[in-house]
Amino acid sequence: MATDFRPEVVLLDLGMPVMDGCEVARRLRGDPRFAGVLLVALTGYGQDEDRERTAQAGFDHHLVKPVEMDALRRVLASLPVGA
């Protein structure tokens, strides 16, 4: 879906069937077409090891559900102007 849509931001859950969010992130990061995409883990997993795992997978941010709107606004505000 990402190859057709070409998103600027991806909010990605980690606990998905078939392929987890970290694998999706690794695949997106491995594709040069998605080099500038902002990847945000949106998950119920919030331990230090979970955050390390998302960082290693290529996520830019790690937000724990339920996400505070101010935290999401700060993440989205980190996008370059005109992106």
N, C-alpha and C. Protein backbone atom coordinates (compact mmCIF):
# COMPACT_ATOMS: atom_id res chain seq x y z
N MET A 1 0.83 -1.19 0.00
CA MET A 1 0.00 0.00 0.00
C MET A 1 0.88 1.26 0.00
N ALA A 2 1.97 1.24 0.75
CA ALA A 2 2.84 2.42 0.83
C ALA A 2 3.45 2.77 -0.52
N THR A 3 3.73 1.76 -1.34
CA THR A 3 4.34 2.04 -2.63
C THR A 3 3.40 2.81 -3.56
N ASP A 4 2.10 2.61 -3.40
CA ASP A 4 1.12 3.33 -4.22
C ASP A 4 0.80 4.70 -3.64
N PHE A 5 0.72 4.77 -2.32
CA PHE A 5 0.29 5.99 -1.65
C PHE A 5 1.43 6.98 -1.43
N ARG A 6 2.63 6.49 -1.15
CA ARG A 6 3.83 7.32 -0.91
C ARG A 6 3.60 8.31 0.23
N PRO A 7 3.39 7.82 1.45
CA PRO A 7 3.09 8.69 2.60
C PRO A 7 4.29 9.52 3.05
N GLU A 8 3.99 10.60 3.75
CA GLU A 8 5.02 11.41 4.39
C GLU A 8 5.22 10.97 5.84
N VAL A 9 4.14 10.44 6.44
CA VAL A 9 4.13 9.96 7.83
C VAL A 9 3.44 8.61 7.86
N VAL A 10 4.00 7.68 8.64
CA VAL A 10 3.35 6.39 8.85
C VAL A 10 3.23 6.16 10.35
N LEU A 11 1.98 6.06 10.82
CA LEU A 11 1.69 5.67 12.21
C LEU A 11 1.46 4.17 12.17
N LEU A 12 2.34 3.41 12.81
CA LEU A 12 2.36 1.97 12.62
C LEU A 12 2.27 1.23 13.94
N ASP A 13 1.27 0.39 14.07
CA ASP A 13 1.13 -0.46 15.25
C ASP A 13 2.18 -1.57 15.17
N LEU A 14 2.66 -2.03 16.31
CA LEU A 14 3.65 -3.10 16.33
C LEU A 14 2.99 -4.47 16.29
N GLY A 15 1.91 -4.63 17.02
CA GLY A 15 1.28 -5.94 17.16
C GLY A 15 0.26 -6.22 16.08
N MET A 16 0.74 -6.55 14.89
CA MET A 16 -0.15 -6.85 13.78
C MET A 16 0.01 -8.32 13.40
N PRO A 17 -1.05 -8.91 12.84
CA PRO A 17 -0.92 -10.30 12.38
C PRO A 17 -0.07 -10.37 11.11
N VAL A 18 0.47 -11.49 10.84
CA VAL A 18 1.26 -11.81 9.66
C VAL A 18 2.64 -11.15 9.70
N MET A 19 2.71 -9.82 9.72
CA MET A 19 3.98 -9.11 9.76
C MET A 19 3.89 -8.02 10.83
N ASP A 20 4.80 -8.05 11.80
CA ASP A 20 4.73 -7.02 12.86
C ASP A 20 5.24 -5.69 12.35
N GLY A 21 4.94 -4.64 13.10
CA GLY A 21 5.29 -3.29 12.70
C GLY A 21 6.78 -3.06 12.54
N CYS A 22 7.60 -3.75 13.33
CA CYS A 22 9.05 -3.59 13.19
C CYS A 22 9.54 -4.13 11.86
N GLU A 23 8.97 -5.23 11.41
CA GLU A 23 9.35 -5.76 10.10
C GLU A 23 8.90 -4.82 8.99
N VAL A 24 7.71 -4.26 9.10
CA VAL A 24 7.25 -3.29 8.11
C VAL A 24 8.21 -2.09 8.08
N ALA A 25 8.60 -1.60 9.25
CA ALA A 25 9.52 -0.46 9.33
C ALA A 25 10.86 -0.79 8.67
N ARG A 26 11.40 -1.98 8.96
CA ARG A 26 12.68 -2.38 8.35
C ARG A 26 12.56 -2.42 6.83
N ARG A 27 11.46 -2.91 6.33
CA ARG A 27 11.28 -2.97 4.87
C ARG A 27 11.15 -1.58 4.26
N LEU A 28 10.41 -0.70 4.94
CA LEU A 28 10.30 0.67 4.44
C LEU A 28 11.66 1.36 4.46
N ARG A 29 12.41 1.19 5.53
CA ARG A 29 13.73 1.82 5.63
C ARG A 29 14.72 1.24 4.62
N GLY A 30 14.49 0.01 4.20
CA GLY A 30 15.36 -0.61 3.21
C GLY A 30 15.06 -0.20 1.78
N ASP A 31 14.00 0.55 1.60
CA ASP A 31 13.59 0.98 0.26
C ASP A 31 13.89 2.48 0.13
N PRO A 32 14.77 2.86 -0.78
CA PRO A 32 15.16 4.27 -0.92
C PRO A 32 14.00 5.22 -1.19
N ARG A 33 12.91 4.73 -1.72
CA ARG A 33 11.74 5.59 -1.98
C ARG A 33 11.13 6.14 -0.70
N PHE A 34 11.44 5.51 0.44
CA PHE A 34 10.85 5.92 1.71
C PHE A 34 11.88 6.51 2.68
N ALA A 35 12.98 6.99 2.13
CA ALA A 35 14.06 7.51 2.97
C ALA A 35 13.61 8.68 3.85
N GLY A 36 12.74 9.52 3.37
CA GLY A 36 12.34 10.69 4.13
C GLY A 36 11.04 10.55 4.90
N VAL A 37 10.46 9.35 4.90
CA VAL A 37 9.18 9.13 5.58
C VAL A 37 9.40 9.13 7.09
N LEU A 38 8.52 9.81 7.81
CA LEU A 38 8.55 9.81 9.27
C LEU A 38 7.80 8.58 9.75
N LEU A 39 8.51 7.68 10.44
CA LEU A 39 7.91 6.45 10.95
C LEU A 39 7.67 6.59 12.45
N VAL A 40 6.42 6.37 12.85
CA VAL A 40 6.02 6.51 14.25
C VAL A 40 5.42 5.20 14.73
N ALA A 41 6.05 4.58 15.72
CA ALA A 41 5.48 3.39 16.35
C ALA A 41 4.34 3.85 17.25
N LEU A 42 3.19 3.26 17.07
CA LEU A 42 2.00 3.57 17.85
C LEU A 42 1.56 2.25 18.47
N THR A 43 1.87 2.07 19.76
CA THR A 43 1.80 0.74 20.33
C THR A 43 1.44 0.72 21.80
N GLY A 44 1.05 -0.43 22.27
CA GLY A 44 0.81 -0.65 23.69
C GLY A 44 2.06 -1.07 24.42
N TYR A 45 3.14 -1.32 23.67
CA TYR A 45 4.41 -1.76 24.25
C TYR A 45 5.28 -0.54 24.56
N GLY A 46 5.59 -0.34 25.85
CA GLY A 46 6.32 0.88 26.21
C GLY A 46 7.54 0.68 27.07
N GLN A 47 8.02 -0.57 27.19
CA GLN A 47 9.22 -0.82 28.00
C GLN A 47 10.46 -0.34 27.25
N ASP A 48 11.55 -0.18 27.98
CA ASP A 48 12.81 0.26 27.37
C ASP A 48 13.22 -0.64 26.21
N GLU A 49 13.07 -1.96 26.39
CA GLU A 49 13.46 -2.89 25.33
C GLU A 49 12.56 -2.75 24.10
N ASP A 50 11.31 -2.36 24.30
CA ASP A 50 10.41 -2.11 23.17
C ASP A 50 10.86 -0.88 22.40
N ARG A 51 11.24 0.15 23.13
CA ARG A 51 11.72 1.38 22.49
C ARG A 51 13.03 1.14 21.74
N GLU A 52 13.90 0.32 22.30
CA GLU A 52 15.16 -0.02 21.63
C GLU A 52 14.87 -0.81 20.35
N ARG A 53 13.93 -1.71 20.42
CA ARG A 53 13.57 -2.53 19.25
C ARG A 53 13.02 -1.66 18.13
N THR A 54 12.16 -0.68 18.47
CA THR A 54 11.62 0.19 17.42
C THR A 54 12.70 1.10 16.84
N ALA A 55 13.61 1.57 17.68
CA ALA A 55 14.72 2.40 17.19
C ALA A 55 15.58 1.59 16.22
N GLN A 56 15.88 0.36 16.57
CA GLN A 56 16.69 -0.49 15.70
C GLN A 56 15.99 -0.81 14.38
N ALA A 57 14.66 -0.85 14.42
CA ALA A 57 13.89 -1.13 13.20
C ALA A 57 13.80 0.08 12.28
N GLY A 58 14.14 1.27 12.81
CA GLY A 58 14.14 2.46 11.97
C GLY A 58 13.04 3.46 12.25
N PHE A 59 12.29 3.24 13.34
CA PHE A 59 11.27 4.22 13.69
C PHE A 59 11.92 5.52 14.16
N ASP A 60 11.26 6.63 13.86
CA ASP A 60 11.72 7.94 14.31
C ASP A 60 11.19 8.28 15.70
N HIS A 61 9.99 7.77 16.01
CA HIS A 61 9.35 8.04 17.30
C HIS A 61 8.63 6.79 17.78
N HIS A 62 8.41 6.75 19.09
CA HIS A 62 7.71 5.62 19.72
C HIS A 62 6.66 6.21 20.66
N LEU A 63 5.39 6.06 20.32
CA LEU A 63 4.30 6.57 21.15
C LEU A 63 3.52 5.40 21.71
N VAL A 64 3.19 5.48 23.00
CA VAL A 64 2.47 4.40 23.68
C VAL A 64 0.98 4.76 23.76
N LYS A 65 0.15 3.76 23.41
CA LYS A 65 -1.30 3.94 23.48
C LYS A 65 -1.77 3.86 24.93
N PRO A 66 -2.78 4.61 25.28
CA PRO A 66 -3.45 5.61 24.45
C PRO A 66 -2.55 6.83 24.29
N VAL A 67 -2.42 7.28 23.08
CA VAL A 67 -1.52 8.38 22.75
C VAL A 67 -2.12 9.71 23.19
N GLU A 68 -1.31 10.50 23.85
CA GLU A 68 -1.73 11.85 24.21
C GLU A 68 -1.65 12.72 22.96
N MET A 69 -2.69 13.47 22.71
CA MET A 69 -2.74 14.30 21.50
C MET A 69 -1.60 15.30 21.43
N ASP A 70 -1.18 15.84 22.56
CA ASP A 70 -0.05 16.78 22.55
C ASP A 70 1.23 16.09 22.07
N ALA A 71 1.42 14.84 22.47
CA ALA A 71 2.60 14.10 22.02
C ALA A 71 2.55 13.86 20.51
N LEU A 72 1.38 13.51 20.01
CA LEU A 72 1.23 13.31 18.57
C LEU A 72 1.43 14.62 17.81
N ARG A 73 0.92 15.71 18.34
CA ARG A 73 1.12 17.02 17.69
C ARG A 73 2.60 17.38 17.63
N ARG A 74 3.34 17.10 18.71
CA ARG A 74 4.79 17.39 18.70
C ARG A 74 5.51 16.58 17.64
N VAL A 75 5.14 15.32 17.51
CA VAL A 75 5.76 14.46 16.49
C VAL A 75 5.46 15.01 15.10
N LEU A 76 4.22 15.32 14.85
CA LEU A 76 3.84 15.83 13.52
C LEU A 76 4.47 17.19 13.25
N ALA A 77 4.67 17.99 14.30
CA ALA A 77 5.31 19.30 14.13
C ALA A 77 6.78 19.16 13.77
N SER A 78 7.35 17.98 13.99
CA SER A 78 8.77 17.78 13.65
C SER A 78 8.98 17.59 12.15
N LEU A 79 7.88 17.46 11.40
CA LEU A 79 8.01 17.34 9.94
C LEU A 79 8.55 18.66 9.37
N PRO A 80 9.39 18.59 8.38
CA PRO A 80 9.87 19.82 7.74
C PRO A 80 8.72 20.59 7.12
N VAL A 81 8.77 21.89 7.17
CA VAL A 81 7.74 22.73 6.56
C VAL A 81 7.73 22.48 5.08
N GLY A 82 6.51 22.29 4.54
CA GLY A 82 6.37 22.01 3.12
C GLY A 82 6.49 20.55 2.78
N ALA A 83 6.61 19.70 3.80
CA ALA A 83 6.73 18.25 3.55
C ALA A 83 5.39 17.68 3.17
